[in-house]
Amino acid sequence: MTAEDDFYELLGVERGADDVAIKAAYRRLAMEHHPDRNSGCRDSEARFKAISRAYDCLKDPQKRAAYDRYGHAAFENGGMGGPGGAGFSDLGDIFETIFGSAFGGAGRQQARRGADLRYDMEISLDEAYHGKQAEIEIEVSQTCEPCGGSGAQPGTSKRTCNLCGGHGKVRAQQGFFMVERTCPNCNGRGEVIDAPCRACRGEGRVDQVQKLEVTIPPGVDSGTRIRLAGKGEAGPFGAPAGDLYIFLHIRRHPVYERDGTTLITHAPISFTTAALGGTIEIPGLDGSRHAIEIPSGIQSGKQLRKRGAGMPVLQGRGYGDLVVEVMVETPTKLTARQKDLLRELQATETGEECPQSKGFFERLKEWTGLGE
């Protein structure tokens, strides 16, 4: 096995694989080739180190993008500082190379903060109205308890890197310039672990299932994001953890549609109620029943508004409105008596009862000349 082996082939994943597939492949292979499970097997130890280098590169979006474009050359000859490589780690390294330590010195690199994580949660419209306390379970990297995040076997400690003297960077003469690069021996940490912690394999963090309480305030909508500070992925070697972001999605409601704080529903009414007027009741998400007055002569598509009966304002005061869109329903099943009554009504019609119909047919007559 050589340092030039393709990282994707080492992990057994396609180049377009997502983070979940890459992580799963690494965990499976790391467990299979871990030195503790293959004592004395140098091939397994070499394989374990190789897949660890591959995973260290592919789990980092910037390193992965550089590797996809340039391959192993991205981490050589002043590259961006990949796994095991000695390259410029950031823009500060470039300034320090040209202008010296006045732009940041040759101090040890700070351990990077843990990654932010995303969790998608689906809730009902009723839960979005009232708010709720929810408990979620998520597998996330957490600080290793046995070693306290140091990565060193309990009872042992790290030692200062001999190559860089604890600075995390080394200098080399290149022509007229003194080039300063990330130390390849300690990867910029300034310290070396001789006896890695068995629980975390020297990483200072382990994957564990974590239960978290999430407070969902009233009035949230699809796309609302809730931030749980410090509940993301633990940083390496005791560095601060990232944040966890909860993205909310509201399930479709059987009665209501939502437009911001406005609740909309479509209510069919009989043509007699439309003609004579009346009152209908609409159940609200707050558990009450809202009386909606139907004016006589209402037409299909007319919207009636109930102030303050909609969704609560998120992190504010008050409520939106409830909008009822009326749909006049023509009866499809009539008794003989009902048909007789409608015929009696039809016999008394003068055309003034339905001005829109009367106006439409008058325009037809004018256009076709049938009325002349």
Protein backbone atom coordinates (compact mmCIF):
# COMPACT_ATOMS: atom_id res chain seq x y z
CA MET A 1 0.00 0.00 0.00
CA THR A 2 1.44 3.40 -0.97
CA ALA A 3 0.69 7.00 -0.05
CA GLU A 4 -0.56 7.50 -3.59
CA ASP A 5 -3.51 5.11 -3.28
CA ASP A 6 -6.78 6.75 -4.32
CA PHE A 7 -8.68 7.91 -1.23
CA TYR A 8 -12.06 6.89 -2.64
CA GLU A 9 -10.81 3.42 -3.54
CA LEU A 10 -9.31 3.02 -0.06
CA LEU A 11 -12.71 3.64 1.50
CA GLY A 12 -14.59 1.73 -1.19
CA VAL A 13 -16.94 4.60 -2.13
CA GLU A 14 -17.83 6.42 -5.34
CA ARG A 15 -16.45 9.90 -5.98
CA GLY A 16 -19.93 11.37 -5.67
CA ALA A 17 -20.61 9.71 -2.30
CA ASP A 18 -22.13 11.93 0.37
CA ASP A 19 -20.72 12.53 3.86
CA VAL A 20 -22.93 9.86 5.42
CA ALA A 21 -21.69 7.13 3.05
CA ILE A 22 -18.05 8.17 3.51
CA LYS A 23 -18.35 8.14 7.29
CA ALA A 24 -20.09 4.75 7.32
CA ALA A 25 -17.41 3.24 5.07
CA TYR A 26 -14.63 4.60 7.27
CA ARG A 27 -16.16 3.30 10.49
CA ARG A 28 -16.62 -0.17 9.01
CA LEU A 29 -13.07 -0.38 7.68
CA ALA A 30 -11.52 1.19 10.80
CA MET A 31 -13.19 -1.42 12.97
CA GLU A 32 -12.02 -4.20 10.67
CA HIS A 33 -8.37 -3.09 10.49
CA HIS A 34 -7.92 -1.48 13.92
CA PRO A 35 -4.54 -2.50 15.46
CA ASP A 36 -6.24 -3.65 18.67
CA ARG A 37 -8.16 -6.26 16.70
CA ASN A 38 -5.20 -7.33 14.54
CA SER A 39 -2.29 -7.34 16.97
CA GLY A 40 1.01 -8.00 15.27
CA CYS A 41 -0.36 -7.60 11.73
CA ARG A 42 1.63 -4.85 10.03
CA ASP A 43 -0.54 -4.94 6.94
CA SER A 44 -3.66 -4.17 9.00
CA GLU A 45 -1.86 -1.38 10.80
CA ALA A 46 -0.75 0.14 7.50
CA ARG A 47 -4.25 -0.26 6.10
CA PHE A 48 -5.74 1.43 9.17
CA LYS A 49 -3.41 4.42 8.81
CA ALA A 50 -4.16 4.71 5.09
CA ILE A 51 -7.95 4.73 5.49
CA SER A 52 -7.58 7.21 8.37
CA ARG A 53 -5.64 9.56 6.07
CA ALA A 54 -8.27 9.12 3.37
CA TYR A 55 -11.14 9.85 5.76
CA ASP A 56 -9.34 12.87 7.25
CA CYS A 57 -9.21 14.37 3.76
CA LEU A 58 -12.65 13.43 2.41
CA LYS A 59 -14.59 14.49 5.52
CA ASP A 60 -13.26 18.05 5.16
CA PRO A 61 -15.11 19.92 2.34
CA GLN A 62 -12.11 22.14 1.48
CA LYS A 63 -9.59 19.31 1.46
CA ARG A 64 -11.96 17.09 -0.51
CA ALA A 65 -12.53 19.79 -3.14
CA ALA A 66 -8.77 20.24 -3.51
CA TYR A 67 -8.20 16.49 -3.74
CA ASP A 68 -10.97 16.06 -6.34
CA ARG A 69 -9.30 18.69 -8.49
CA TYR A 70 -5.59 18.04 -8.03
CA GLY A 71 -5.34 14.62 -6.38
CA HIS A 72 -2.42 14.04 -4.02
CA ALA A 73 -0.57 16.97 -5.59
CA ALA A 74 -2.95 19.28 -3.71
CA PHE A 75 -1.06 18.46 -0.52
CA GLU A 76 2.46 18.62 -1.83
CA ASN A 77 4.95 21.42 -2.62
CA GLY A 78 3.14 24.18 -0.80
CA GLY A 79 -0.36 22.75 -1.21
CA MET A 80 -3.20 23.37 1.22
CA GLY A 81 -1.93 21.11 4.00
CA GLY A 82 -3.70 17.81 3.61
CA PRO A 83 -3.44 14.65 5.64
CA GLY A 84 0.18 14.05 6.45
CA GLY A 85 1.22 16.84 4.07
CA ALA A 86 3.21 19.98 4.82
CA GLY A 87 1.53 22.86 3.06
CA PHE A 88 0.07 26.29 3.66
CA SER A 89 -2.84 25.84 6.07
CA ASP A 90 -4.45 29.24 5.50
CA LEU A 91 -3.89 32.72 4.14
CA GLY A 92 -1.97 33.63 7.30
CA ASP A 93 0.73 31.09 6.38
CA ILE A 94 1.26 32.86 3.07
CA PHE A 95 1.67 36.24 4.74
CA GLU A 96 4.05 34.75 7.28
CA THR A 97 6.10 33.16 4.50
CA ILE A 98 6.64 36.50 2.76
CA PHE A 99 6.65 39.01 5.63
CA GLY A 100 7.72 36.92 8.62
CA SER A 101 6.06 36.33 11.97
CA ALA A 102 4.75 39.91 12.31
CA PHE A 103 1.56 38.67 10.62
CA GLY A 104 0.77 36.10 13.24
CA GLY A 105 4.05 34.64 14.46
CA ALA A 106 5.16 31.08 14.43
CA GLY A 107 2.90 29.98 17.24
CA ARG A 108 1.16 26.65 17.45
CA GLN A 109 -1.97 26.32 15.30
CA GLN A 110 -5.25 26.51 17.14
CA ALA A 111 -7.35 23.34 17.10
CA ARG A 112 -10.26 23.92 14.78
CA ARG A 113 -13.80 24.12 16.08
CA GLY A 114 -16.10 21.12 15.60
CA ALA A 115 -18.42 21.01 12.61
CA ASP A 116 -21.97 22.36 12.71
CA LEU A 117 -24.67 19.73 12.21
CA ARG A 118 -28.18 19.75 10.76
CA TYR A 119 -31.24 17.84 11.98
CA ASP A 120 -34.58 17.90 10.11
CA MET A 121 -37.71 17.64 12.25
CA GLU A 122 -41.31 17.29 11.08
CA ILE A 123 -44.13 18.61 13.27
CA SER A 124 -47.88 19.09 12.86
CA LEU A 125 -49.60 22.44 12.30
CA ASP A 126 -51.21 22.10 15.74
CA GLU A 127 -47.74 21.72 17.29
CA ALA A 128 -46.54 24.74 15.34
CA TYR A 129 -49.52 26.69 16.76
CA HIS A 130 -49.02 25.74 20.41
CA GLY A 131 -45.26 25.08 20.48
CA LYS A 132 -43.84 22.00 22.18
CA GLN A 133 -40.95 20.38 24.00
CA ALA A 134 -39.43 17.66 21.84
CA GLU A 135 -36.71 15.11 22.53
CA ILE A 136 -34.43 14.02 19.70
CA GLU A 137 -31.70 11.42 19.41
CA ILE A 138 -28.71 12.13 17.23
CA GLU A 139 -25.38 10.38 16.76
CA VAL A 140 -22.66 12.98 17.10
CA SER A 141 -18.95 13.12 17.89
CA GLN A 142 -18.43 13.97 21.56
CA THR A 143 -15.34 14.57 23.66
CA CYS A 144 -13.81 11.24 24.68
CA GLU A 145 -14.35 10.76 28.42
CA PRO A 146 -11.42 8.40 29.17
CA CYS A 147 -8.81 10.83 27.83
CA GLY A 148 -10.76 14.07 28.32
CA GLY A 149 -10.33 14.94 24.65
CA SER A 150 -6.53 14.89 24.72
CA GLY A 151 -6.28 11.79 22.53
CA ALA A 152 -3.62 10.30 24.81
CA GLN A 153 -4.03 7.03 26.70
CA PRO A 154 -5.12 7.73 30.33
CA GLY A 155 -2.03 7.87 32.54
CA THR A 156 0.11 9.19 29.68
CA SER A 157 0.52 12.63 28.20
CA LYS A 158 1.44 14.33 24.99
CA ARG A 159 4.98 15.46 24.35
CA THR A 160 6.34 18.46 22.52
CA CYS A 161 7.03 17.76 18.87
CA ASN A 162 10.79 17.36 18.30
CA LEU A 163 10.63 18.56 14.69
CA CYS A 164 8.99 21.95 15.25
CA GLY A 165 9.80 22.42 18.95
CA GLY A 166 6.13 22.85 19.79
CA HIS A 167 5.52 25.72 17.34
CA GLY A 168 3.43 23.67 14.91
CA LYS A 169 5.38 25.03 11.95
CA VAL A 170 8.76 24.46 10.37
CA ARG A 171 10.91 26.71 8.21
CA ALA A 172 12.98 25.86 5.16
CA GLN A 173 15.16 27.96 2.89
CA GLN A 174 13.94 28.18 -0.70
CA GLY A 175 16.16 30.43 -2.75
CA PHE A 176 15.97 33.95 -1.31
CA PHE A 177 12.91 33.13 0.81
CA MET A 178 12.46 31.48 4.16
CA VAL A 179 9.30 29.37 3.74
CA GLU A 180 7.26 28.48 6.81
CA ARG A 181 4.93 25.48 6.62
CA THR A 182 2.75 23.32 8.83
CA CYS A 183 4.84 20.77 10.66
CA PRO A 184 4.36 17.37 8.95
CA ASN A 185 5.18 15.46 12.13
CA CYS A 186 2.44 16.90 14.38
CA ASN A 187 0.15 18.44 11.70
CA GLY A 188 0.47 21.87 13.30
CA ARG A 189 -0.56 20.88 16.82
CA GLY A 190 2.90 21.25 18.29
CA GLU A 191 2.41 18.06 20.28
CA VAL A 192 2.77 14.36 19.53
CA ILE A 193 0.82 11.45 21.05
CA ASP A 194 3.01 8.39 21.60
CA ALA A 195 0.28 6.28 23.27
CA PRO A 196 -3.10 7.01 21.63
CA CYS A 197 -6.24 6.54 23.70
CA ARG A 198 -7.80 3.16 22.91
CA ALA A 199 -11.36 4.50 23.23
CA CYS A 200 -11.01 7.23 20.59
CA ARG A 201 -7.91 5.96 18.70
CA GLY A 202 -6.11 9.20 19.46
CA GLU A 203 -8.74 11.51 17.97
CA GLY A 204 -9.96 12.89 21.30
CA ARG A 205 -13.61 12.30 20.36
CA VAL A 206 -15.98 9.40 19.82
CA ASP A 207 -19.36 8.97 18.11
CA GLN A 208 -22.19 8.57 20.61
CA VAL A 209 -25.98 8.78 20.56
CA GLN A 210 -27.05 11.94 22.35
CA LYS A 211 -30.54 12.80 23.62
CA LEU A 212 -31.41 16.49 23.43
CA GLU A 213 -34.39 18.58 24.50
CA VAL A 214 -35.62 21.01 21.84
CA THR A 215 -37.96 23.91 22.67
CA ILE A 216 -40.21 24.74 19.71
CA PRO A 217 -41.85 28.15 20.23
CA PRO A 218 -45.41 28.88 19.05
CA GLY A 219 -45.71 30.28 15.53
CA VAL A 220 -42.86 28.43 13.82
CA ASP A 221 -43.17 27.69 10.11
CA SER A 222 -41.50 25.37 7.61
CA GLY A 223 -37.89 26.49 7.25
CA THR A 224 -37.65 27.88 10.78
CA ARG A 225 -34.19 27.11 12.15
CA ILE A 226 -33.48 26.50 15.83
CA ARG A 227 -29.85 26.71 16.97
CA LEU A 228 -28.50 24.59 19.82
CA ALA A 229 -25.15 26.15 20.63
CA GLY A 230 -22.32 23.72 21.34
CA LYS A 231 -24.39 20.62 20.50
CA GLY A 232 -22.74 19.93 17.18
CA GLU A 233 -19.65 17.84 16.50
CA ALA A 234 -16.97 18.00 19.19
CA GLY A 235 -13.78 19.72 18.14
CA PRO A 236 -10.61 17.63 17.84
CA PHE A 237 -8.34 17.37 20.88
CA GLY A 238 -10.61 19.34 23.20
CA ALA A 239 -11.44 22.18 20.79
CA PRO A 240 -14.91 23.79 21.12
CA ALA A 241 -17.87 21.92 19.67
CA GLY A 242 -19.88 23.18 16.73
CA ASP A 243 -23.58 24.01 16.80
CA LEU A 244 -26.62 21.89 16.00
CA TYR A 245 -29.30 23.43 13.77
CA ILE A 246 -32.84 22.04 13.87
CA PHE A 247 -34.73 22.70 10.60
CA LEU A 248 -38.51 22.44 10.99
CA HIS A 249 -40.98 21.11 8.41
CA ILE A 250 -44.75 21.43 8.93
CA ARG A 251 -46.92 18.50 7.85
CA ARG A 252 -49.93 19.19 5.62
CA HIS A 253 -53.11 19.86 7.61
CA PRO A 254 -56.44 18.24 6.57
CA VAL A 255 -58.40 21.51 6.90
CA TYR A 256 -56.08 24.50 6.88
CA GLU A 257 -53.54 25.98 4.52
CA ARG A 258 -51.07 28.51 5.83
CA ASP A 259 -49.73 31.77 4.47
CA GLY A 260 -47.45 33.27 7.10
CA THR A 261 -49.65 33.93 10.12
CA THR A 262 -52.86 33.59 8.04
CA LEU A 263 -54.86 30.36 8.13
CA ILE A 264 -56.97 29.62 5.05
CA THR A 265 -59.75 27.07 4.68
CA HIS A 266 -62.31 26.38 1.95
CA ALA A 267 -65.87 25.92 3.21
CA PRO A 268 -68.65 24.51 0.96
CA ILE A 269 -72.12 25.88 1.72
CA SER A 270 -75.53 25.04 0.29
CA PHE A 271 -77.07 27.32 -2.31
CA THR A 272 -79.94 28.09 0.06
CA THR A 273 -77.49 29.29 2.72
CA ALA A 274 -75.73 31.32 0.06
CA ALA A 275 -79.07 32.87 -0.98
CA LEU A 276 -80.57 33.45 2.46
CA GLY A 277 -77.41 33.88 4.56
CA GLY A 278 -76.65 32.15 7.84
CA THR A 279 -73.87 31.14 10.20
CA ILE A 280 -71.30 28.35 10.01
CA GLU A 281 -68.82 27.24 12.65
CA ILE A 282 -65.14 26.60 11.93
CA PRO A 283 -62.99 24.81 14.58
CA GLY A 284 -59.84 26.73 15.39
CA LEU A 285 -56.38 25.38 16.23
CA ASP A 286 -56.81 26.91 19.69
CA GLY A 287 -59.68 24.50 20.41
CA SER A 288 -62.47 27.09 20.12
CA ARG A 289 -65.18 27.25 17.47
CA HIS A 290 -65.31 30.38 15.36
CA ALA A 291 -68.72 31.57 14.14
CA ILE A 292 -68.55 32.86 10.57
CA GLU A 293 -71.49 34.99 9.40
CA ILE A 294 -72.58 34.26 5.82
CA PRO A 295 -74.23 37.30 4.20
CA SER A 296 -77.19 36.63 1.91
CA GLY A 297 -76.36 36.51 -1.77
CA ILE A 298 -72.75 35.46 -1.28
CA GLN A 299 -70.92 34.09 -4.33
CA SER A 300 -68.40 31.26 -4.68
CA GLY A 301 -64.84 32.39 -4.09
CA LYS A 302 -65.80 35.12 -1.64
CA GLN A 303 -63.41 35.29 1.32
CA LEU A 304 -64.59 36.01 4.84
CA ARG A 305 -62.01 37.05 7.45
CA LYS A 306 -61.95 36.42 11.18
CA ARG A 307 -59.44 38.73 12.82
CA GLY A 308 -57.03 37.24 15.35
CA ALA A 309 -58.01 33.61 14.72
CA GLY A 310 -54.89 32.65 12.75
CA MET A 311 -51.37 31.59 13.72
CA PRO A 312 -49.46 33.24 16.58
CA VAL A 313 -46.70 35.68 15.63
CA LEU A 314 -43.33 33.97 16.15
CA GLN A 315 -41.46 35.59 19.03
CA GLY A 316 -43.94 38.44 19.02
CA ARG A 317 -47.40 39.41 20.12
CA GLY A 318 -50.78 38.79 18.58
CA TYR A 319 -52.19 36.42 16.01
CA GLY A 320 -52.87 36.41 12.31
CA ASP A 321 -56.30 36.03 10.70
CA LEU A 322 -58.51 33.14 9.72
CA VAL A 323 -59.75 33.36 6.12
CA VAL A 324 -62.73 31.27 5.02
CA GLU A 325 -63.19 30.99 1.25
CA VAL A 326 -66.80 30.11 0.44
CA MET A 327 -67.73 27.57 -2.23
CA VAL A 328 -71.44 27.43 -3.14
CA GLU A 329 -72.38 23.80 -3.72
CA THR A 330 -75.14 22.86 -6.18
CA PRO A 331 -77.28 19.99 -4.83
CA THR A 332 -76.95 16.71 -6.70
CA LYS A 333 -79.65 14.70 -4.91
CA LEU A 334 -83.13 16.25 -4.61
CA THR A 335 -86.44 14.77 -3.49
CA ALA A 336 -89.56 15.23 -5.59
CA ARG A 337 -90.85 17.80 -3.10
CA GLN A 338 -87.60 19.79 -3.30
CA LYS A 339 -87.74 19.79 -7.08
CA ASP A 340 -91.34 21.06 -6.98
CA LEU A 341 -90.32 23.90 -4.66
CA LEU A 342 -87.45 24.85 -6.98
CA ARG A 343 -89.79 24.86 -9.97
CA GLU A 344 -92.12 27.19 -8.04
CA LEU A 345 -89.11 29.44 -7.33
CA GLN A 346 -88.06 29.33 -10.96
CA ALA A 347 -91.54 30.36 -12.07
CA THR A 348 -91.31 33.53 -9.99
CA GLU A 349 -87.87 34.58 -11.23
CA THR A 350 -87.67 37.90 -13.09
CA GLY A 351 -83.93 37.91 -13.79
CA GLU A 352 -83.25 40.58 -11.20
CA GLU A 353 -82.36 37.92 -8.62
CA CYS A 354 -79.10 37.11 -10.44
CA PRO A 355 -77.76 40.36 -11.93
CA GLN A 356 -74.53 38.79 -13.20
CA SER A 357 -76.39 36.17 -15.23
CA LYS A 358 -78.81 38.78 -16.56
CA GLY A 359 -75.96 41.09 -17.58
CA PHE A 360 -74.07 38.28 -19.30
CA PHE A 361 -77.00 37.22 -21.50
CA GLU A 362 -77.82 40.81 -22.35
CA ARG A 363 -74.26 41.27 -23.62
CA LEU A 364 -74.64 38.11 -25.69
CA LYS A 365 -77.78 39.50 -27.29
CA GLU A 366 -76.10 42.79 -28.11
CA TRP A 367 -73.13 41.01 -29.63
CA THR A 368 -75.09 38.53 -31.77
CA GLY A 369 -77.99 40.80 -32.53
CA LEU A 370 -80.49 38.22 -31.27
CA GLY A 371 -82.38 40.83 -29.34
CA GLU A 372 -83.26 42.92 -32.39
